[in-house]
Amino acid sequence: MKFGTTELIVILVVVLIIFGPTQIPKLTKMFGKSVKSFKDGMEETEEDVEDSSKKVKKSSKSSKKAEKQADDEPDEEE
């Protein structure tokens, strides 16, 4: 879905009529803060996912290593 120049102008005029020229700077500032906060949250989530992925891989390797060592040891029967 693409917006053309005409559609954007209509949207801006409607916003200007609804909020007035004094509220537009406040709205843009709030919008900018919201976008920044969203991006920061996404970066934090990506870092958490990467950390969890590394932990799972490390745990998987250590469990495979322990399993291999258990298979290599001879069974003692009495």
Protein backbone atom coordinates (compact mmCIF):
# COMPACT_ATOMS: atom_id res chain seq x y z
CA MET A 1 0.00 0.00 0.00
CA LYS A 2 1.66 3.17 -1.18
CA PHE A 3 0.68 6.72 -0.39
CA GLY A 4 1.01 9.33 -3.08
CA THR A 5 1.76 13.00 -2.63
CA THR A 6 -1.91 13.93 -2.72
CA GLU A 7 -2.82 11.47 0.02
CA LEU A 8 -0.03 12.71 2.27
CA ILE A 9 -1.09 16.33 1.80
CA VAL A 10 -4.70 15.45 2.67
CA ILE A 11 -3.56 13.58 5.79
CA LEU A 12 -1.37 16.51 6.90
CA VAL A 13 -4.22 18.99 6.37
CA VAL A 14 -6.63 16.83 8.39
CA VAL A 15 -4.06 16.50 11.22
CA LEU A 16 -3.50 20.26 11.16
CA ILE A 17 -7.24 20.92 11.34
CA ILE A 18 -7.83 18.43 14.16
CA PHE A 19 -4.86 19.28 16.38
CA GLY A 20 -4.06 22.84 15.39
CA PRO A 21 -0.67 24.36 14.71
CA THR A 22 0.26 24.63 18.40
CA GLN A 23 -0.13 20.91 19.09
CA ILE A 24 1.81 19.61 16.06
CA PRO A 25 5.31 20.09 17.60
CA LYS A 26 4.19 18.30 20.77
CA LEU A 27 2.77 15.43 18.75
CA THR A 28 5.91 15.04 16.64
CA LYS A 29 8.08 15.08 19.77
CA MET A 30 5.93 12.39 21.40
CA PHE A 31 6.00 10.35 18.19
CA GLY A 32 9.80 10.61 18.00
CA LYS A 33 10.19 9.48 21.60
CA SER A 34 7.84 6.57 20.97
CA VAL A 35 9.80 5.45 17.91
CA LYS A 36 13.10 5.70 19.81
CA SER A 37 11.68 3.72 22.72
CA PHE A 38 10.37 1.06 20.35
CA LYS A 39 13.76 0.75 18.62
CA ASP A 40 15.56 0.49 21.96
CA GLY A 41 13.16 -2.23 23.04
CA MET A 42 13.71 -4.14 19.81
CA GLU A 43 17.51 -3.95 20.21
CA GLU A 44 17.24 -5.18 23.80
CA THR A 45 15.02 -8.06 22.72
CA GLU A 46 17.46 -9.01 19.95
CA GLU A 47 20.32 -9.05 22.47
CA ASP A 48 18.30 -11.22 24.85
CA VAL A 49 17.48 -13.66 22.04
CA GLU A 50 21.14 -13.85 21.00
CA ASP A 51 22.26 -14.46 24.60
CA SER A 52 19.65 -17.18 25.05
CA SER A 53 20.67 -18.77 21.77
CA LYS A 54 24.33 -18.85 22.85
CA LYS A 55 23.39 -20.42 26.19
CA VAL A 56 21.32 -23.11 24.48
CA LYS A 57 24.14 -23.92 22.04
CA LYS A 58 26.66 -24.08 24.89
CA SER A 59 24.37 -26.30 26.95
CA SER A 60 23.74 -28.53 23.95
CA LYS A 61 27.48 -28.93 23.31
CA SER A 62 28.22 -29.77 26.94
CA SER A 63 25.40 -32.32 27.11
CA LYS A 64 26.59 -33.96 23.87
CA LYS A 65 30.11 -34.07 25.27
CA ALA A 66 28.90 -35.68 28.51
CA GLU A 67 26.83 -38.18 26.52
CA LYS A 68 29.83 -39.09 24.38
CA GLN A 69 32.00 -39.58 27.48
CA ALA A 70 29.35 -41.82 29.00
CA ASP A 71 29.24 -43.91 25.82
CA ASP A 72 33.04 -44.21 25.74
CA GLU A 73 33.32 -45.51 29.31
CA PRO A 74 33.10 -49.30 29.64
CA ASP A 75 30.12 -50.60 31.56
CA GLU A 76 31.11 -52.28 34.84
CA GLU A 77 29.07 -55.36 35.59
CA GLU A 78 29.38 -57.17 38.91
